[in-house]
C-alpha atoms as a PDB file:
ATOM      1  CA  UNK A   1      96.480 -43.535 -23.868  1.00  0.00           C
ATOM      2  CA  UNK A   2      95.478 -41.319 -20.926  1.00  0.00           C
ATOM      3  CA  UNK A   3      92.801 -42.730 -18.589  1.00  0.00           C
ATOM      4  CA  UNK A   4      89.851 -40.492 -17.670  1.00  0.00           C
ATOM      5  CA  UNK A   5      89.703 -40.341 -13.858  1.00  0.00           C
ATOM      6  CA  UNK A   6      86.438 -41.600 -12.350  1.00  0.00           C
ATOM      7  CA  UNK A   7      83.837 -38.977 -11.382  1.00  0.00           C
ATOM      8  CA  UNK A   8      84.209 -39.850  -7.713  1.00  0.00           C
ATOM      9  CA  UNK A   9      87.996 -39.188  -7.905  1.00  0.00           C
ATOM     10  CA  UNK A  10      87.382 -35.837  -9.536  1.00  0.00           C
ATOM     11  CA  UNK A  11      84.797 -34.737  -6.883  1.00  0.00           C
ATOM     12  CA  UNK A  12      87.224 -35.787  -4.239  1.00  0.00           C
ATOM     13  CA  UNK A  13      90.026 -33.773  -5.877  1.00  0.00           C
ATOM     14  CA  UNK A  14      87.621 -30.692  -6.119  1.00  0.00           C
ATOM     15  CA  UNK A  15      86.828 -31.039  -2.410  1.00  0.00           C
ATOM     16  CA  UNK A  16      90.444 -31.217  -1.581  1.00  0.00           C
ATOM     17  CA  UNK A  17      91.231 -28.153  -3.709  1.00  0.00           C
ATOM     18  CA  UNK A  18      88.255 -26.331  -2.117  1.00  0.00           C
ATOM     19  CA  UNK A  19      89.535 -27.135   1.383  1.00  0.00           C
ATOM     20  CA  UNK A  20      92.988 -25.715   0.440  1.00  0.00           C
ATOM     21  CA  UNK A  21      91.255 -22.624  -0.865  1.00  0.00           C
ATOM     22  CA  UNK A  22      89.139 -22.256   2.249  1.00  0.00           C
ATOM     23  CA  UNK A  23      92.401 -22.497   4.324  1.00  0.00           C
ATOM     24  CA  UNK A  24      94.285 -19.908   2.232  1.00  0.00           C
ATOM     25  CA  UNK A  25      91.240 -17.588   2.102  1.00  0.00           C
ATOM     26  CA  UNK A  26      91.082 -17.683   5.941  1.00  0.00           C
ATOM     27  CA  UNK A  27      94.733 -16.824   6.078  1.00  0.00           C
ATOM     28  CA  UNK A  28      94.298 -13.933   3.595  1.00  0.00           C
ATOM     29  CA  UNK A  29      91.306 -12.564   5.611  1.00  0.00           C
ATOM     30  CA  UNK A  30      93.481 -12.763   8.898  1.00  0.00           C
ATOM     31  CA  UNK A  31      96.331 -10.972   7.077  1.00  0.00           C
ATOM     32  CA  UNK A  32      94.230  -8.322   5.495  1.00  0.00           C
ATOM     33  CA  UNK A  33      92.664  -7.600   8.990  1.00  0.00           C
ATOM     34  CA  UNK A  34      96.133  -7.296  10.519  1.00  0.00           C
ATOM     35  CA  UNK A  35      97.276  -5.022   7.538  1.00  0.00           C
ATOM     36  CA  UNK A  36      94.239  -2.685   8.065  1.00  0.00           C
ATOM     37  CA  UNK A  37      94.784  -2.534  11.921  1.00  0.00           C
ATOM     38  CA  UNK A  38      98.447  -1.529  11.296  1.00  0.00           C
ATOM     39  CA  UNK A  39      97.292   0.850   8.623  1.00  0.00           C
ATOM     40  CA  UNK A  40      94.955   2.544  11.120  1.00  0.00           C
ATOM     41  CA  UNK A  41      97.624   2.877  13.563  1.00  0.00           C
ATOM     42  CA  UNK A  42      99.843   4.641  10.915  1.00  0.00           C
ATOM     43  CA  UNK A  43      97.017   6.933   9.989  1.00  0.00           C
ATOM     44  CA  UNK A  44      96.352   7.936  13.655  1.00  0.00           C
ATOM     45  CA  UNK A  45     100.209   8.568  14.216  1.00  0.00           C
ATOM     46  CA  UNK A  46     100.611  10.688  11.075  1.00  0.00           C
ATOM     47  CA  UNK A  47      97.380  12.584  11.925  1.00  0.00           C
ATOM     48  CA  UNK A  48      98.479  13.228  15.463  1.00  0.00           C
ATOM     49  CA  UNK A  49     101.812  14.424  14.176  1.00  0.00           C
ATOM     50  CA  UNK A  50     100.251  16.586  11.577  1.00  0.00           C
ATOM     51  CA  UNK A  51     102.309  15.027   8.795  1.00  0.00           C
ATOM     52  CA  UNK A  52     101.466  13.007   5.648  1.00  0.00           C
ATOM     53  CA  UNK A  53     104.625  10.962   5.298  1.00  0.00           C
ATOM     54  CA  UNK A  54     107.132   8.910   7.428  1.00  0.00           C
ATOM     55  CA  UNK A  55     110.078   6.902   6.672  1.00  0.00           C
ATOM     56  CA  UNK A  56     111.761   3.763   8.234  1.00  0.00           C
ATOM     57  CA  UNK A  57     115.078   2.501   7.362  1.00  0.00           C
ATOM     58  CA  UNK A  58     113.826   0.740   4.365  1.00  0.00           C
ATOM     59  CA  UNK A  59     110.383   1.986   3.407  1.00  0.00           C
ATOM     60  CA  UNK A  60     108.192   5.245   3.372  1.00  0.00           C
ATOM     61  CA  UNK A  61     104.485   5.617   3.798  1.00  0.00           C
ATOM     62  CA  UNK A  62     102.642   8.629   2.298  1.00  0.00           C
ATOM     63  CA  UNK A  63      99.050   9.525   2.707  1.00  0.00           C
ATOM     64  CA  UNK A  64      97.535  10.170  -0.752  1.00  0.00           C
ATOM     65  CA  UNK A  65      94.069  11.760  -0.852  1.00  0.00           C
ATOM     66  CA  UNK A  66      91.648  12.031  -3.689  1.00  0.00           C
ATOM     67  CA  UNK A  67      88.073  13.157  -3.840  1.00  0.00           C
ATOM     68  CA  UNK A  68      85.630  10.321  -4.661  1.00  0.00           C
ATOM     69  CA  UNK A  69      81.829  10.285  -4.737  1.00  0.00           C
ATOM     70  CA  UNK A  70      79.027   8.296  -3.400  1.00  0.00           C
ATOM     71  CA  UNK A  71      75.324   8.638  -4.157  1.00  0.00           C
ATOM     72  CA  UNK A  72      73.371   9.563  -1.026  1.00  0.00           C
ATOM     73  CA  UNK A  73      69.875   9.577  -3.040  1.00  0.00           C
ATOM     74  CA  UNK A  74      69.957   7.629  -6.287  1.00  0.00           C
ATOM     75  CA  UNK A  75      66.622   8.999  -7.102  1.00  0.00           C
ATOM     76  CA  UNK A  76      68.064  12.525  -7.262  1.00  0.00           C
ATOM     77  CA  UNK A  77      71.055  11.327  -9.147  1.00  0.00           C
ATOM     78  CA  UNK A  78      68.992   9.563 -11.711  1.00  0.00           C
ATOM     79  CA  UNK A  79      66.788  12.562 -12.213  1.00  0.00           C
ATOM     80  CA  UNK A  80      69.826  14.673 -12.729  1.00  0.00           C
ATOM     81  CA  UNK A  81      71.269  12.290 -15.267  1.00  0.00           C
ATOM     82  CA  UNK A  82      67.998  12.057 -17.317  1.00  0.00           C
ATOM     83  CA  UNK A  83      67.252  15.831 -17.187  1.00  0.00           C
ATOM     84  CA  UNK A  84      70.856  16.698 -18.206  1.00  0.00           C
ATOM     85  CA  UNK A  85      71.429  13.905 -20.591  1.00  0.00           C
ATOM     86  CA  UNK A  86      74.444  12.813 -18.597  1.00  0.00           C
ATOM     87  CA  UNK A  87      74.789   9.032 -18.919  1.00  0.00           C
ATOM     88  CA  UNK A  88      78.558   9.545 -18.730  1.00  0.00           C
ATOM     89  CA  UNK A  89      78.253   9.945 -14.992  1.00  0.00           C
ATOM     90  CA  UNK A  90      77.602   6.133 -14.728  1.00  0.00           C
ATOM     91  CA  UNK A  91      80.042   3.230 -15.102  1.00  0.00           C
ATOM     92  CA  UNK A  92      79.185   0.477 -17.457  1.00  0.00           C
ATOM     93  CA  UNK A  93      77.479  -2.284 -15.797  1.00  0.00           C
ATOM     94  CA  UNK A  94      74.030  -3.712 -16.200  1.00  0.00           C
ATOM     95  CA  UNK A  95      71.754  -4.761 -13.379  1.00  0.00           C
ATOM     96  CA  UNK A  96      71.241  -8.484 -13.855  1.00  0.00           C
ATOM     97  CA  UNK A  97      68.277  -8.712 -11.445  1.00  0.00           C
ATOM     98  CA  UNK A  98      66.532  -5.862 -13.283  1.00  0.00           C
ATOM     99  CA  UNK A  99      67.094  -7.293 -16.660  1.00  0.00           C
ATOM    100  CA  UNK A 100      65.981 -10.827 -15.640  1.00  0.00           C
ATOM    101  CA  UNK A 101      62.740  -9.266 -14.380  1.00  0.00           C
ATOM    102  CA  UNK A 102      62.284  -7.271 -17.607  1.00  0.00           C
ATOM    103  CA  UNK A 103      62.993 -10.410 -19.844  1.00  0.00           C
ATOM    104  CA  UNK A 104      60.471 -12.375 -17.588  1.00  0.00           C
ATOM    105  CA  UNK A 105      57.973  -9.772 -18.450  1.00  0.00           C
ATOM    106  CA  UNK A 106      58.635 -10.180 -22.203  1.00  0.00           C
ATOM    107  CA  UNK A 107      60.498  -6.675 -22.564  1.00  0.00           C
ATOM    108  CA  UNK A 108      63.556  -6.701 -24.886  1.00  0.00           C
ATOM    109  CA  UNK A 109      66.379  -4.149 -24.236  1.00  0.00           C
ATOM    110  CA  UNK A 110      68.171  -3.272 -27.502  1.00  0.00           C
ATOM    111  CA  UNK A 111      71.830  -4.040 -27.375  1.00  0.00           C
ATOM    112  CA  UNK A 112      71.549  -6.524 -24.616  1.00  0.00           C
ATOM    113  CA  UNK A 113      72.222 -10.162 -25.079  1.00  0.00           C
ATOM    114  CA  UNK A 114      71.859 -12.880 -22.280  1.00  0.00           C
ATOM    115  CA  UNK A 115      74.349 -15.624 -21.904  1.00  0.00           C
ATOM    116  CA  UNK A 116      74.537 -18.574 -19.573  1.00  0.00           C
ATOM    117  CA  UNK A 117      77.267 -18.333 -17.011  1.00  0.00           C
ATOM    118  CA  UNK A 118      78.033 -21.698 -15.592  1.00  0.00           C
ATOM    119  CA  UNK A 119      79.401 -22.392 -12.122  1.00  0.00           C
ATOM    120  CA  UNK A 120      79.977 -25.696 -10.315  1.00  0.00           C
ATOM    121  CA  UNK A 121      78.572 -26.095  -6.831  1.00  0.00           C
ATOM    122  CA  UNK A 122      80.252 -28.556  -4.451  1.00  0.00           C
ATOM    123  CA  UNK A 123      78.356 -29.635  -1.397  1.00  0.00           C
ATOM    124  CA  UNK A 124      78.981 -32.190   1.325  1.00  0.00           C
ATOM    125  CA  UNK A 125      76.509 -35.055   1.396  1.00  0.00           C
END
């Protein structure tokens, strides 16, 4: 028969796991910073040379470009979407804050169903 660990032991294990995650996340952040710094140097080199690709003995880098969009004025974008019946310009994601506010005011939005997302908070005493 398996024994259920005591809650104190489980909390200690959770703290230990969190500490390991913190160490790994710091290492990931440092590695990403280093990666982006090297990437910037490569962009600068390629731009200076007027080329979009380069090779080493084992690898190749190629600059790929694509056009992406950012909304500079959401009010204008929203007005366009409404006037031109163009909801396809938006990606599917609901605003949790706005929906909470509407729900608090008693407004129901068809097709929207709330659910409870559970997370566990760990704090040092």
